[in-house]
């Protein structure tokens, strides 16, 4: 009897939990190999092997990418269409450098500090992506378009709204990088420390 009551209470708590009711991003880390026995050699290897991004396909130290899909429930209601629910599936992938061999003790210490700072930097990009998806969710659910019983106009309206949110996220990401890699920025200091072996 006690087991049944405890099981019932546990299920009730899980079903009532906002964490269970909501969604969470799936976060993955991928690495690319770099080589060297000094900070300079490791950083040079990053420049040669880092991920290629953007239209110009330039190399970067690390990269945060995401895949976003939605399950949306469009419902005709009279002459209108309502987006009754929108559930995202968000996969965020962080691509980071990783030495392919053992490092001298002092270089290992410098690398660990650099790697931790780099991962924290990329996590901020991940957080802005999650924030963007939550904003998309908030403007999506309940969206109603009159004169759209076939639920076609609502998709155009939703796309317009989502484009604005997406552009804002990209701009915030660029602004963050500009500060981090700028004079005295956190990433600039981490790179200098790695090169100096500090």
Protein backbone atom coordinates (compact mmCIF):
# COMPACT_ATOMS: atom_id res chain seq x y z
CA UNK A 1 0.00 0.00 0.00
CA UNK A 2 2.80 2.43 0.96
CA UNK A 3 4.59 1.72 -2.31
CA UNK A 4 1.46 2.50 -4.32
CA UNK A 5 0.94 5.79 -2.45
CA UNK A 6 4.60 6.79 -2.89
CA UNK A 7 4.45 5.94 -6.60
CA UNK A 8 1.28 8.00 -6.99
CA UNK A 9 2.82 10.98 -5.16
CA UNK A 10 6.00 10.75 -7.23
CA UNK A 11 4.00 10.68 -10.48
CA UNK A 12 1.88 13.60 -9.33
CA UNK A 13 5.00 15.65 -8.55
CA UNK A 14 6.59 14.83 -11.89
CA UNK A 15 3.45 15.71 -13.83
CA UNK A 16 3.07 18.97 -11.91
CA UNK A 17 6.71 19.92 -12.34
CA UNK A 18 7.23 22.86 -14.72
CA UNK A 19 10.49 21.28 -15.88
CA UNK A 20 8.59 18.22 -17.10
CA UNK A 21 5.89 20.34 -18.71
CA UNK A 22 8.34 22.54 -20.60
CA UNK A 23 11.12 21.74 -23.00
CA UNK A 24 14.87 21.73 -22.69
CA UNK A 25 17.50 22.13 -25.37
CA UNK A 26 19.71 19.17 -26.21
CA UNK A 27 23.34 20.33 -25.94
CA UNK A 28 26.20 18.47 -27.58
CA UNK A 29 29.94 19.09 -27.73
CA UNK A 30 32.02 18.17 -30.75
CA UNK A 31 35.78 18.64 -30.87
CA UNK A 32 38.39 19.08 -33.55
CA UNK A 33 42.00 18.05 -33.02
CA UNK A 34 44.81 20.57 -32.62
CA UNK A 35 48.49 19.84 -32.13
CA UNK A 36 51.46 21.52 -30.53
CA UNK A 37 53.59 21.62 -27.42
CA UNK A 38 53.41 25.36 -26.75
CA UNK A 39 50.59 27.87 -26.56
CA UNK A 40 51.73 29.41 -29.83
CA UNK A 41 51.81 26.05 -31.62
CA UNK A 42 48.33 25.16 -30.32
CA UNK A 43 46.90 28.52 -31.35
CA UNK A 44 48.53 28.22 -34.80
CA UNK A 45 46.95 24.77 -35.15
CA UNK A 46 43.56 26.26 -34.23
CA UNK A 47 44.02 28.77 -37.06
CA UNK A 48 44.74 25.92 -39.49
CA UNK A 49 42.04 23.48 -38.34
CA UNK A 50 39.24 25.51 -36.77
CA UNK A 51 35.67 25.27 -38.06
CA UNK A 52 34.93 27.15 -41.28
CA UNK A 53 31.82 29.31 -41.01
CA UNK A 54 29.92 32.01 -42.84
CA UNK A 55 29.54 32.71 -46.52
CA UNK A 56 33.23 33.53 -46.77
CA UNK A 57 34.11 30.24 -45.06
CA UNK A 58 36.59 31.81 -42.64
CA UNK A 59 38.08 29.80 -39.78
CA UNK A 60 37.09 30.43 -36.18
CA UNK A 61 38.38 29.17 -32.84
CA UNK A 62 35.05 27.63 -31.83
CA UNK A 63 31.51 27.59 -33.12
CA UNK A 64 28.01 27.23 -31.72
CA UNK A 65 25.42 25.94 -34.15
CA UNK A 66 21.85 24.78 -33.71
CA UNK A 67 19.08 22.80 -35.35
CA UNK A 68 15.53 23.89 -34.56
CA UNK A 69 12.35 22.09 -35.56
CA UNK A 70 8.78 22.66 -34.43
CA UNK A 71 5.61 20.70 -33.93
CA UNK A 72 2.83 23.24 -34.48
CA UNK A 73 -0.92 22.83 -34.14
CA UNK A 74 -2.79 25.21 -36.45
CA UNK A 75 -6.54 25.17 -35.82
CA UNK A 76 -9.25 26.78 -38.00
CA UNK A 77 -11.76 28.53 -35.74
CA UNK A 78 -14.64 29.98 -37.66
CA UNK A 79 -13.19 32.40 -40.21
CA UNK A 80 -9.84 32.61 -38.40
CA UNK A 81 -6.81 30.40 -37.80
CA UNK A 82 -5.18 30.00 -34.40
CA UNK A 83 -1.79 28.56 -33.60
CA UNK A 84 -2.92 26.52 -30.60
CA UNK A 85 0.49 25.09 -29.67
CA UNK A 86 4.09 25.18 -30.80
CA UNK A 87 6.61 22.78 -29.30
CA UNK A 88 10.27 23.19 -30.25
CA UNK A 89 13.03 20.63 -30.52
CA UNK A 90 16.33 22.46 -30.18
CA UNK A 91 19.73 20.83 -30.59
CA UNK A 92 22.72 23.07 -29.84
CA UNK A 93 26.16 21.87 -30.89
CA UNK A 94 29.34 23.45 -29.54
CA UNK A 95 32.47 22.81 -31.63
CA UNK A 96 35.65 23.28 -29.59
CA UNK A 97 39.36 22.56 -30.05
CA UNK A 98 41.05 19.68 -28.23
CA UNK A 99 44.76 18.82 -28.18
CA UNK A 100 45.48 15.46 -29.84
CA UNK A 101 48.34 14.60 -27.50
CA UNK A 102 49.77 15.14 -24.04
CA UNK A 103 50.98 18.62 -23.21
CA UNK A 104 53.80 19.76 -20.93
CA UNK A 105 52.44 20.51 -17.43
CA UNK A 106 52.68 24.32 -17.71
CA UNK A 107 51.10 24.33 -21.17
CA UNK A 108 48.36 21.97 -19.97
CA UNK A 109 47.49 24.41 -17.20
CA UNK A 110 47.34 27.31 -19.67
CA UNK A 111 45.28 25.22 -22.07
CA UNK A 112 42.76 24.25 -19.39
CA UNK A 113 42.20 27.91 -18.49
CA UNK A 114 41.83 28.82 -22.17
CA UNK A 115 39.49 25.89 -22.88
CA UNK A 116 37.27 26.67 -19.89
CA UNK A 117 36.99 30.32 -20.91
CA UNK A 118 36.27 29.36 -24.51
CA UNK A 119 33.54 26.90 -23.47
CA UNK A 120 31.97 29.58 -21.24
CA UNK A 121 32.05 32.03 -24.15
CA UNK A 122 30.29 29.57 -26.47
CA UNK A 123 27.74 28.77 -23.74
CA UNK A 124 26.66 32.43 -23.84
CA UNK A 125 25.94 31.97 -27.55
CA UNK A 126 23.94 28.86 -26.67
CA UNK A 127 21.98 30.79 -24.06
CA UNK A 128 21.04 33.48 -26.61
CA UNK A 129 19.76 30.75 -28.93
CA UNK A 130 17.60 29.30 -26.14
CA UNK A 131 16.30 32.80 -25.37
CA UNK A 132 15.45 33.29 -29.06
CA UNK A 133 13.48 30.03 -29.14
CA UNK A 134 11.56 31.00 -26.00
CA UNK A 135 10.67 34.34 -27.62
CA UNK A 136 9.52 32.54 -30.75
CA UNK A 137 7.40 30.27 -28.60
CA UNK A 138 5.82 33.21 -26.79
CA UNK A 139 4.83 35.04 -30.01
CA UNK A 140 3.67 31.83 -31.68
CA UNK A 141 1.27 30.24 -29.23
CA UNK A 142 -2.12 31.90 -29.48
CA UNK A 143 -1.31 33.79 -32.68
CA UNK A 144 -4.59 34.38 -34.50
CA UNK A 145 -5.14 35.57 -38.06
CA UNK A 146 -8.64 36.56 -39.14
CA UNK A 147 -9.97 35.64 -42.58
CA UNK A 148 -7.73 32.59 -42.73
CA UNK A 149 -9.88 29.44 -42.39
CA UNK A 150 -7.34 27.51 -44.49
CA UNK A 151 -4.48 28.44 -42.11
CA UNK A 152 -2.19 29.75 -44.86
CA UNK A 153 -1.94 33.47 -44.04
CA UNK A 154 -0.95 32.67 -40.46
CA UNK A 155 2.21 30.93 -41.65
CA UNK A 156 3.30 34.03 -43.56
CA UNK A 157 2.61 36.22 -40.54
CA UNK A 158 4.50 33.85 -38.26
CA UNK A 159 7.50 33.78 -40.61
CA UNK A 160 7.60 37.59 -40.60
CA UNK A 161 7.62 37.74 -36.80
CA UNK A 162 10.21 34.99 -36.45
CA UNK A 163 12.57 36.69 -38.90
CA UNK A 164 12.71 39.75 -36.64
CA UNK A 165 13.49 37.64 -33.58
CA UNK A 166 16.14 35.66 -35.47
CA UNK A 167 17.84 38.82 -36.74
CA UNK A 168 17.91 40.26 -33.22
CA UNK A 169 19.59 37.09 -31.90
CA UNK A 170 22.24 37.19 -34.65
CA UNK A 171 22.96 40.84 -33.91
CA UNK A 172 23.25 40.16 -30.16
CA UNK A 173 25.69 37.35 -30.92
CA UNK A 174 27.82 39.59 -33.15
CA UNK A 175 27.80 42.36 -30.52
CA UNK A 176 28.91 39.91 -27.84
CA UNK A 177 31.81 38.67 -30.00
CA UNK A 178 32.85 42.22 -30.78
CA UNK A 179 33.24 42.96 -27.06
CA UNK A 180 34.82 39.60 -26.16
CA UNK A 181 37.43 39.74 -28.94
CA UNK A 182 37.94 43.51 -28.71
CA UNK A 183 40.66 45.39 -26.88
CA UNK A 184 40.83 44.04 -23.33
CA UNK A 185 37.95 41.65 -23.98
CA UNK A 186 37.72 38.32 -22.23
CA UNK A 187 38.57 36.19 -25.28
CA UNK A 188 41.46 38.46 -26.23
CA UNK A 189 42.90 38.05 -22.72
CA UNK A 190 42.46 34.27 -22.84
CA UNK A 191 44.30 34.06 -26.16
CA UNK A 192 47.16 36.26 -24.91
CA UNK A 193 47.45 34.13 -21.75
CA UNK A 194 47.63 30.96 -23.85
CA UNK A 195 50.29 32.44 -26.12
CA UNK A 196 52.30 33.66 -23.13
CA UNK A 197 51.93 30.34 -21.33
CA UNK A 198 50.17 31.91 -18.33
